[in-house]
């Protein structure tokens, strides 16, 4: 009875591990396709923002990291700062709505500032100034950070949650995405490619890290390996039981001591 139960458990584990391995192979294919699409987008010339009528159709698969160009006026009195950690250290992203000629508002991450710049940028620097922004279209980051939730009432933002920020700022026609100002280096976020941390104009744009973790092959091999271990364990048990039964047939007076 016990042997039958454990056999059923072993079969379930084998097919469960096998299914997880196949799923990771599928995820690997999806991730490689995503990386190829994004790398291709980063080489394209900046395009105008999609018109507002198309905004409900914008998805990460079709638009994330698309270089774009937009014009408007800063609503700097509605600036929020979201916590950030970059190659330049800890600080904040300066997120300001850009009012377009169509009467819409697009949240723009104008770049990174260190902690000692917080007061200046919360005061609404650059209010009403016209601007042309070239950057990357990004999707909303709802919820907050790891174990930290956004608190609009206290002006504590751990992520660029477009919907929550738009509500807190009472924007009339907000875009459902934001734009990271500046185009990152295709060489990656190596510190040698960045300007010195304490020189140059703030906010510092172009610090978007376009990098995707891709451990799906390792995960797939792990799950397939566990499936093989189940098979190996079953073979060992089966051989042991077979030897015990053979011994019993040779000496029927002795009851075999099963492994289980």
C-alpha atoms as a PDB file:
ATOM      1  CA  UNK A   1       0.000   0.000   0.000  1.00  0.00           C
ATOM      2  CA  UNK A   2       2.759   2.435   0.977  1.00  0.00           C
ATOM      3  CA  UNK A   3       4.712   1.510  -2.132  1.00  0.00           C
ATOM      4  CA  UNK A   4       1.681   2.225  -4.307  1.00  0.00           C
ATOM      5  CA  UNK A   5       1.136   5.623  -2.674  1.00  0.00           C
ATOM      6  CA  UNK A   6       4.759   6.633  -3.056  1.00  0.00           C
ATOM      7  CA  UNK A   7       4.731   5.433  -6.653  1.00  0.00           C
ATOM      8  CA  UNK A   8       1.793   7.722  -7.344  1.00  0.00           C
ATOM      9  CA  UNK A   9       3.588  10.596  -5.589  1.00  0.00           C
ATOM     10  CA  UNK A  10       6.731   9.916  -7.636  1.00  0.00           C
ATOM     11  CA  UNK A  11       4.753   9.960 -10.879  1.00  0.00           C
ATOM     12  CA  UNK A  12       3.098  13.249  -9.860  1.00  0.00           C
ATOM     13  CA  UNK A  13       6.456  14.781  -8.981  1.00  0.00           C
ATOM     14  CA  UNK A  14       8.010  13.636 -12.251  1.00  0.00           C
ATOM     15  CA  UNK A  15       5.306  15.151 -14.411  1.00  0.00           C
ATOM     16  CA  UNK A  16       5.158  18.255 -12.210  1.00  0.00           C
ATOM     17  CA  UNK A  17       8.900  18.883 -12.551  1.00  0.00           C
ATOM     18  CA  UNK A  18       8.709  18.112 -16.266  1.00  0.00           C
ATOM     19  CA  UNK A  19       5.872  20.633 -16.728  1.00  0.00           C
ATOM     20  CA  UNK A  20       7.816  23.304 -14.835  1.00  0.00           C
ATOM     21  CA  UNK A  21      10.850  22.671 -17.032  1.00  0.00           C
ATOM     22  CA  UNK A  22       8.794  23.006 -20.214  1.00  0.00           C
ATOM     23  CA  UNK A  23       7.254  26.225 -18.854  1.00  0.00           C
ATOM     24  CA  UNK A  24      10.717  27.684 -18.236  1.00  0.00           C
ATOM     25  CA  UNK A  25      11.748  26.778 -21.788  1.00  0.00           C
ATOM     26  CA  UNK A  26       8.706  28.699 -23.024  1.00  0.00           C
ATOM     27  CA  UNK A  27       9.629  31.620 -20.763  1.00  0.00           C
ATOM     28  CA  UNK A  28      13.160  31.532 -22.160  1.00  0.00           C
ATOM     29  CA  UNK A  29      11.813  31.854 -25.686  1.00  0.00           C
ATOM     30  CA  UNK A  30       9.573  34.762 -24.615  1.00  0.00           C
ATOM     31  CA  UNK A  31      12.448  36.524 -22.813  1.00  0.00           C
ATOM     32  CA  UNK A  32      14.835  36.200 -25.771  1.00  0.00           C
ATOM     33  CA  UNK A  33      12.143  37.618 -28.063  1.00  0.00           C
ATOM     34  CA  UNK A  34      11.560  40.506 -25.640  1.00  0.00           C
ATOM     35  CA  UNK A  35      15.273  41.321 -25.453  1.00  0.00           C
ATOM     36  CA  UNK A  36      15.549  41.277 -29.242  1.00  0.00           C
ATOM     37  CA  UNK A  37      12.506  43.563 -29.641  1.00  0.00           C
ATOM     38  CA  UNK A  38      13.763  46.070 -27.073  1.00  0.00           C
ATOM     39  CA  UNK A  39      17.272  46.160 -28.511  1.00  0.00           C
ATOM     40  CA  UNK A  40      15.783  46.798 -31.932  1.00  0.00           C
ATOM     41  CA  UNK A  41      13.623  49.636 -30.571  1.00  0.00           C
ATOM     42  CA  UNK A  42      16.591  51.320 -28.928  1.00  0.00           C
ATOM     43  CA  UNK A  43      18.260  51.704 -32.315  1.00  0.00           C
ATOM     44  CA  UNK A  44      15.239  53.469 -33.826  1.00  0.00           C
ATOM     45  CA  UNK A  45      14.869  57.228 -34.187  1.00  0.00           C
ATOM     46  CA  UNK A  46      12.510  58.869 -31.661  1.00  0.00           C
ATOM     47  CA  UNK A  47       8.893  58.874 -32.826  1.00  0.00           C
ATOM     48  CA  UNK A  48       6.031  61.214 -31.871  1.00  0.00           C
ATOM     49  CA  UNK A  49       3.876  59.959 -29.032  1.00  0.00           C
ATOM     50  CA  UNK A  50       0.873  57.884 -30.109  1.00  0.00           C
ATOM     51  CA  UNK A  51      -2.256  60.075 -30.198  1.00  0.00           C
ATOM     52  CA  UNK A  52      -4.554  59.932 -27.153  1.00  0.00           C
ATOM     53  CA  UNK A  53      -7.122  57.860 -29.049  1.00  0.00           C
ATOM     54  CA  UNK A  54      -4.559  55.022 -29.141  1.00  0.00           C
ATOM     55  CA  UNK A  55      -3.557  55.209 -25.492  1.00  0.00           C
ATOM     56  CA  UNK A  56      -5.946  52.444 -24.307  1.00  0.00           C
ATOM     57  CA  UNK A  57      -4.202  50.084 -26.764  1.00  0.00           C
ATOM     58  CA  UNK A  58      -0.663  50.776 -25.559  1.00  0.00           C
ATOM     59  CA  UNK A  59       0.971  47.681 -24.060  1.00  0.00           C
ATOM     60  CA  UNK A  60       4.428  46.875 -22.781  1.00  0.00           C
ATOM     61  CA  UNK A  61       4.949  44.316 -25.550  1.00  0.00           C
ATOM     62  CA  UNK A  62       4.271  46.872 -28.277  1.00  0.00           C
ATOM     63  CA  UNK A  63       5.705  50.118 -26.818  1.00  0.00           C
ATOM     64  CA  UNK A  64       7.936  49.623 -23.756  1.00  0.00           C
ATOM     65  CA  UNK A  65      11.316  51.377 -24.273  1.00  0.00           C
ATOM     66  CA  UNK A  66      10.181  52.911 -27.574  1.00  0.00           C
ATOM     67  CA  UNK A  67      12.154  56.145 -28.191  1.00  0.00           C
ATOM     68  CA  UNK A  68       9.687  59.042 -28.398  1.00  0.00           C
ATOM     69  CA  UNK A  69       9.663  62.817 -28.778  1.00  0.00           C
ATOM     70  CA  UNK A  70       7.092  65.167 -27.238  1.00  0.00           C
ATOM     71  CA  UNK A  71       6.639  68.877 -26.645  1.00  0.00           C
ATOM     72  CA  UNK A  72       4.731  70.931 -24.120  1.00  0.00           C
ATOM     73  CA  UNK A  73       4.976  73.029 -20.988  1.00  0.00           C
ATOM     74  CA  UNK A  74       6.171  71.856 -17.611  1.00  0.00           C
ATOM     75  CA  UNK A  75       3.598  71.806 -14.826  1.00  0.00           C
ATOM     76  CA  UNK A  76       6.485  72.068 -12.395  1.00  0.00           C
ATOM     77  CA  UNK A  77       4.276  72.960  -9.433  1.00  0.00           C
ATOM     78  CA  UNK A  78       2.968  69.377  -9.708  1.00  0.00           C
ATOM     79  CA  UNK A  79       6.382  67.700  -9.510  1.00  0.00           C
ATOM     80  CA  UNK A  80       6.760  64.570  -7.397  1.00  0.00           C
ATOM     81  CA  UNK A  81       9.974  62.836  -6.389  1.00  0.00           C
ATOM     82  CA  UNK A  82      10.175  59.053  -6.410  1.00  0.00           C
ATOM     83  CA  UNK A  83      12.946  57.216  -4.616  1.00  0.00           C
ATOM     84  CA  UNK A  84      15.722  55.908  -6.841  1.00  0.00           C
ATOM     85  CA  UNK A  85      19.016  54.086  -6.655  1.00  0.00           C
ATOM     86  CA  UNK A  86      21.263  54.583  -9.660  1.00  0.00           C
ATOM     87  CA  UNK A  87      24.906  54.356 -10.681  1.00  0.00           C
ATOM     88  CA  UNK A  88      25.197  57.873  -9.193  1.00  0.00           C
ATOM     89  CA  UNK A  89      23.969  56.737  -5.799  1.00  0.00           C
ATOM     90  CA  UNK A  90      20.715  57.072  -3.856  1.00  0.00           C
ATOM     91  CA  UNK A  91      18.318  59.921  -4.521  1.00  0.00           C
ATOM     92  CA  UNK A  92      15.155  60.642  -6.453  1.00  0.00           C
ATOM     93  CA  UNK A  93      13.624  60.637  -9.888  1.00  0.00           C
ATOM     94  CA  UNK A  94      12.109  64.042 -10.702  1.00  0.00           C
ATOM     95  CA  UNK A  95       8.694  63.309 -12.215  1.00  0.00           C
ATOM     96  CA  UNK A  96       6.877  66.307 -13.706  1.00  0.00           C
ATOM     97  CA  UNK A  97       3.761  66.437 -15.919  1.00  0.00           C
ATOM     98  CA  UNK A  98       4.257  67.922 -19.376  1.00  0.00           C
ATOM     99  CA  UNK A  99       1.143  69.682 -20.657  1.00  0.00           C
ATOM    100  CA  UNK A 100       0.776  69.060 -24.399  1.00  0.00           C
ATOM    101  CA  UNK A 101      -0.982  71.196 -26.989  1.00  0.00           C
ATOM    102  CA  UNK A 102      -3.799  68.616 -27.049  1.00  0.00           C
ATOM    103  CA  UNK A 103      -4.635  69.324 -23.412  1.00  0.00           C
ATOM    104  CA  UNK A 104      -3.187  66.035 -22.158  1.00  0.00           C
ATOM    105  CA  UNK A 105      -0.577  65.538 -19.477  1.00  0.00           C
ATOM    106  CA  UNK A 106       2.338  63.127 -19.791  1.00  0.00           C
ATOM    107  CA  UNK A 107       4.382  62.330 -16.712  1.00  0.00           C
ATOM    108  CA  UNK A 108       8.058  62.738 -17.542  1.00  0.00           C
ATOM    109  CA  UNK A 109      10.884  61.362 -15.463  1.00  0.00           C
ATOM    110  CA  UNK A 110      13.233  64.302 -15.986  1.00  0.00           C
ATOM    111  CA  UNK A 111      16.132  62.420 -14.448  1.00  0.00           C
ATOM    112  CA  UNK A 112      17.949  61.697 -11.229  1.00  0.00           C
ATOM    113  CA  UNK A 113      18.855  64.106  -8.429  1.00  0.00           C
ATOM    114  CA  UNK A 114      20.806  63.336  -5.240  1.00  0.00           C
ATOM    115  CA  UNK A 115      19.165  63.692  -1.857  1.00  0.00           C
ATOM    116  CA  UNK A 116      20.567  67.176  -1.236  1.00  0.00           C
ATOM    117  CA  UNK A 117      18.644  68.430  -4.304  1.00  0.00           C
ATOM    118  CA  UNK A 118      15.246  67.334  -3.025  1.00  0.00           C
ATOM    119  CA  UNK A 119      14.042  70.691  -1.688  1.00  0.00           C
ATOM    120  CA  UNK A 120      14.919  72.547  -4.890  1.00  0.00           C
ATOM    121  CA  UNK A 121      12.957  70.243  -7.167  1.00  0.00           C
ATOM    122  CA  UNK A 122       9.976  69.925  -4.865  1.00  0.00           C
ATOM    123  CA  UNK A 123       9.634  73.711  -5.026  1.00  0.00           C
ATOM    124  CA  UNK A 124       8.540  73.568  -8.679  1.00  0.00           C
ATOM    125  CA  UNK A 125      11.634  74.723 -10.549  1.00  0.00           C
ATOM    126  CA  UNK A 126      10.968  75.530 -14.191  1.00  0.00           C
ATOM    127  CA  UNK A 127       7.216  76.126 -13.891  1.00  0.00           C
ATOM    128  CA  UNK A 128       5.572  77.062 -17.186  1.00  0.00           C
ATOM    129  CA  UNK A 129       8.706  76.599 -19.271  1.00  0.00           C
ATOM    130  CA  UNK A 130       8.321  75.056 -22.725  1.00  0.00           C
ATOM    131  CA  UNK A 131      10.273  71.886 -23.359  1.00  0.00           C
ATOM    132  CA  UNK A 132      10.985  69.268 -25.976  1.00  0.00           C
ATOM    133  CA  UNK A 133      11.593  65.869 -24.434  1.00  0.00           C
ATOM    134  CA  UNK A 134      13.304  62.937 -26.093  1.00  0.00           C
ATOM    135  CA  UNK A 135      13.212  59.722 -24.128  1.00  0.00           C
ATOM    136  CA  UNK A 136      11.814  56.232 -23.676  1.00  0.00           C
ATOM    137  CA  UNK A 137       8.160  55.354 -23.285  1.00  0.00           C
ATOM    138  CA  UNK A 138       7.709  53.376 -20.071  1.00  0.00           C
ATOM    139  CA  UNK A 139       4.771  51.565 -18.533  1.00  0.00           C
ATOM    140  CA  UNK A 140       3.398  52.329 -15.085  1.00  0.00           C
ATOM    141  CA  UNK A 141       5.009  50.816 -11.980  1.00  0.00           C
ATOM    142  CA  UNK A 142       2.000  50.319  -9.692  1.00  0.00           C
ATOM    143  CA  UNK A 143       2.034  49.454  -6.029  1.00  0.00           C
ATOM    144  CA  UNK A 144       5.337  50.783  -4.735  1.00  0.00           C
ATOM    145  CA  UNK A 145       8.694  49.226  -3.937  1.00  0.00           C
ATOM    146  CA  UNK A 146       9.685  45.991  -2.229  1.00  0.00           C
ATOM    147  CA  UNK A 147       7.774  45.896   1.070  1.00  0.00           C
ATOM    148  CA  UNK A 148       7.097  49.633   0.678  1.00  0.00           C
ATOM    149  CA  UNK A 149       3.851  51.111  -0.556  1.00  0.00           C
ATOM    150  CA  UNK A 150       3.404  54.540  -2.079  1.00  0.00           C
ATOM    151  CA  UNK A 151       1.880  57.077   0.306  1.00  0.00           C
ATOM    152  CA  UNK A 152       0.458  59.983  -1.734  1.00  0.00           C
ATOM    153  CA  UNK A 153      -0.796  61.817   1.357  1.00  0.00           C
ATOM    154  CA  UNK A 154       2.751  61.993   2.735  1.00  0.00           C
ATOM    155  CA  UNK A 155       4.342  62.527  -0.688  1.00  0.00           C
ATOM    156  CA  UNK A 156       6.297  59.311  -0.366  1.00  0.00           C
ATOM    157  CA  UNK A 157       6.720  57.597  -3.685  1.00  0.00           C
ATOM    158  CA  UNK A 158       8.686  54.387  -4.114  1.00  0.00           C
ATOM    159  CA  UNK A 159       7.663  53.710  -7.712  1.00  0.00           C
ATOM    160  CA  UNK A 160       6.387  55.602 -10.718  1.00  0.00           C
ATOM    161  CA  UNK A 161       2.756  54.571 -10.372  1.00  0.00           C
ATOM    162  CA  UNK A 162       1.208  56.648 -13.150  1.00  0.00           C
ATOM    163  CA  UNK A 163      -2.431  56.282 -12.102  1.00  0.00           C
ATOM    164  CA  UNK A 164      -1.747  57.047  -8.436  1.00  0.00           C
ATOM    165  CA  UNK A 165       0.475  60.034  -9.227  1.00  0.00           C
ATOM    166  CA  UNK A 166      -2.080  61.413 -11.706  1.00  0.00           C
ATOM    167  CA  UNK A 167      -4.821  61.167  -9.074  1.00  0.00           C
ATOM    168  CA  UNK A 168      -2.666  62.814  -6.429  1.00  0.00           C
ATOM    169  CA  UNK A 169      -1.818  65.674  -8.809  1.00  0.00           C
ATOM    170  CA  UNK A 170      -5.421  65.934 -10.060  1.00  0.00           C
ATOM    171  CA  UNK A 171      -4.409  65.731 -13.704  1.00  0.00           C
ATOM    172  CA  UNK A 172      -7.375  66.091 -16.055  1.00  0.00           C
ATOM    173  CA  UNK A 173      -6.219  63.976 -19.025  1.00  0.00           C
ATOM    174  CA  UNK A 174      -3.162  61.958 -17.971  1.00  0.00           C
ATOM    175  CA  UNK A 175      -1.414  59.496 -20.236  1.00  0.00           C
ATOM    176  CA  UNK A 176      -1.412  55.895 -18.923  1.00  0.00           C
ATOM    177  CA  UNK A 177       2.377  55.731 -19.270  1.00  0.00           C
ATOM    178  CA  UNK A 178       5.380  57.899 -18.462  1.00  0.00           C
ATOM    179  CA  UNK A 179       8.510  58.901 -20.359  1.00  0.00           C
ATOM    180  CA  UNK A 180      12.075  58.530 -19.153  1.00  0.00           C
ATOM    181  CA  UNK A 181      13.897  61.603 -20.458  1.00  0.00           C
ATOM    182  CA  UNK A 182      17.138  60.910 -22.298  1.00  0.00           C
ATOM    183  CA  UNK A 183      18.333  57.921 -24.274  1.00  0.00           C
ATOM    184  CA  UNK A 184      20.576  55.448 -22.440  1.00  0.00           C
ATOM    185  CA  UNK A 185      23.901  54.281 -23.778  1.00  0.00           C
ATOM    186  CA  UNK A 186      23.626  50.999 -25.655  1.00  0.00           C
ATOM    187  CA  UNK A 187      26.870  49.996 -23.960  1.00  0.00           C
ATOM    188  CA  UNK A 188      24.969  49.504 -20.715  1.00  0.00           C
ATOM    189  CA  UNK A 189      25.114  51.196 -17.319  1.00  0.00           C
ATOM    190  CA  UNK A 190      28.863  50.986 -16.807  1.00  0.00           C
ATOM    191  CA  UNK A 191      30.024  53.744 -14.475  1.00  0.00           C
ATOM    192  CA  UNK A 192      32.776  54.730 -16.929  1.00  0.00           C
ATOM    193  CA  UNK A 193      30.092  55.864 -19.372  1.00  0.00           C
ATOM    194  CA  UNK A 194      28.395  58.142 -16.826  1.00  0.00           C
ATOM    195  CA  UNK A 195      29.239  61.749 -16.008  1.00  0.00           C
ATOM    196  CA  UNK A 196      30.821  62.482 -12.604  1.00  0.00           C
ATOM    197  CA  UNK A 197      28.307  62.177  -9.790  1.00  0.00           C
ATOM    198  CA  UNK A 198      28.699  65.696  -8.401  1.00  0.00           C
ATOM    199  CA  UNK A 199      29.155  67.743 -11.563  1.00  0.00           C
ATOM    200  CA  UNK A 200      26.880  68.788 -14.391  1.00  0.00           C
ATOM    201  CA  UNK A 201      23.267  69.854 -14.470  1.00  0.00           C
ATOM    202  CA  UNK A 202      20.520  68.260 -12.454  1.00  0.00           C
ATOM    203  CA  UNK A 203      18.344  66.326 -13.037  1.00  0.00           C
ATOM    204  CA  UNK A 204      20.652  63.811 -14.726  1.00  0.00           C
ATOM    205  CA  UNK A 205      18.763  62.077 -17.531  1.00  0.00           C
ATOM    206  CA  UNK A 206      19.663  59.049 -19.626  1.00  0.00           C
ATOM    207  CA  UNK A 207      20.193  56.721 -16.646  1.00  0.00           C
ATOM    208  CA  UNK A 208      17.507  54.220 -17.631  1.00  0.00           C
ATOM    209  CA  UNK A 209      18.893  50.718 -17.222  1.00  0.00           C
ATOM    210  CA  UNK A 210      17.658  48.519 -20.058  1.00  0.00           C
ATOM    211  CA  UNK A 211      18.591  45.118 -18.761  1.00  0.00           C
ATOM    212  CA  UNK A 212      16.569  41.949 -18.304  1.00  0.00           C
ATOM    213  CA  UNK A 213      17.388  39.061 -16.007  1.00  0.00           C
ATOM    214  CA  UNK A 214      17.395  35.818 -17.956  1.00  0.00           C
ATOM    215  CA  UNK A 215      17.861  32.752 -15.750  1.00  0.00           C
ATOM    216  CA  UNK A 216      15.164  30.673 -17.427  1.00  0.00           C
ATOM    217  CA  UNK A 217      17.638  28.185 -18.906  1.00  0.00           C
ATOM    218  CA  UNK A 218      19.112  27.534 -15.455  1.00  0.00           C
ATOM    219  CA  UNK A 219      15.616  27.097 -14.011  1.00  0.00           C
ATOM    220  CA  UNK A 220      14.632  24.747 -16.840  1.00  0.00           C
ATOM    221  CA  UNK A 221      17.721  22.577 -16.322  1.00  0.00           C
ATOM    222  CA  UNK A 222      17.005  22.525 -12.576  1.00  0.00           C
ATOM    223  CA  UNK A 223      13.440  21.281 -13.049  1.00  0.00           C
ATOM    224  CA  UNK A 224      14.464  18.720 -15.664  1.00  0.00           C
ATOM    225  CA  UNK A 225      17.270  17.585 -13.333  1.00  0.00           C
ATOM    226  CA  UNK A 226      14.783  17.076 -10.502  1.00  0.00           C
ATOM    227  CA  UNK A 227      12.566  15.048 -12.830  1.00  0.00           C
ATOM    228  CA  UNK A 228      15.549  12.841 -13.684  1.00  0.00           C
ATOM    229  CA  UNK A 229      16.343  12.459  -9.984  1.00  0.00           C
ATOM    230  CA  UNK A 230      12.809  11.159  -9.405  1.00  0.00           C
ATOM    231  CA  UNK A 231      13.332   8.638 -12.200  1.00  0.00           C
ATOM    232  CA  UNK A 232      16.716   7.659 -10.740  1.00  0.00           C
ATOM    233  CA  UNK A 233      15.221   7.182  -7.281  1.00  0.00           C
ATOM    234  CA  UNK A 234      12.441   5.030  -8.744  1.00  0.00           C
ATOM    235  CA  UNK A 235      14.986   2.851 -10.560  1.00  0.00           C
ATOM    236  CA  UNK A 236      17.018   2.364  -7.373  1.00  0.00           C
ATOM    237  CA  UNK A 237      13.922   1.386  -5.381  1.00  0.00           C
ATOM    238  CA  UNK A 238      12.686  -0.934  -8.128  1.00  0.00           C
ATOM    239  CA  UNK A 239      16.058  -2.725  -8.333  1.00  0.00           C
ATOM    240  CA  UNK A 240      16.247  -3.083  -4.577  1.00  0.00           C
ATOM    241  CA  UNK A 241      12.746  -4.531  -4.412  1.00  0.00           C
ATOM    242  CA  UNK A 242      13.583  -6.862  -7.299  1.00  0.00           C
ATOM    243  CA  UNK A 243      16.646  -8.209  -5.477  1.00  0.00           C
ATOM    244  CA  UNK A 244      14.631  -8.744  -2.304  1.00  0.00           C
ATOM    245  CA  UNK A 245      11.946 -10.643  -4.188  1.00  0.00           C
ATOM    246  CA  UNK A 246      14.580 -12.784  -5.937  1.00  0.00           C
ATOM    247  CA  UNK A 247      16.155 -13.576  -2.576  1.00  0.00           C
ATOM    248  CA  UNK A 248      12.746 -14.557  -1.183  1.00  0.00           C
ATOM    249  CA  UNK A 249      12.113 -16.894  -4.094  1.00  0.00           C
ATOM    250  CA  UNK A 250      15.496 -18.554  -3.439  1.00  0.00           C
ATOM    251  CA  UNK A 251      14.849 -18.821   0.328  1.00  0.00           C
ATOM    252  CA  UNK A 252      11.055 -18.785   0.812  1.00  0.00           C
ATOM    253  CA  UNK A 253      11.402 -19.368   4.558  1.00  0.00           C
ATOM    254  CA  UNK A 254      12.731 -15.847   4.971  1.00  0.00           C
ATOM    255  CA  UNK A 255      10.318 -12.955   4.463  1.00  0.00           C
ATOM    256  CA  UNK A 256      11.933 -10.133   2.437  1.00  0.00           C
ATOM    257  CA  UNK A 257      12.590  -6.849   4.242  1.00  0.00           C
ATOM    258  CA  UNK A 258      11.212  -4.340   1.790  1.00  0.00           C
ATOM    259  CA  UNK A 259      12.818  -0.961   1.444  1.00  0.00           C
ATOM    260  CA  UNK A 260       9.435   0.544   2.250  1.00  0.00           C
END
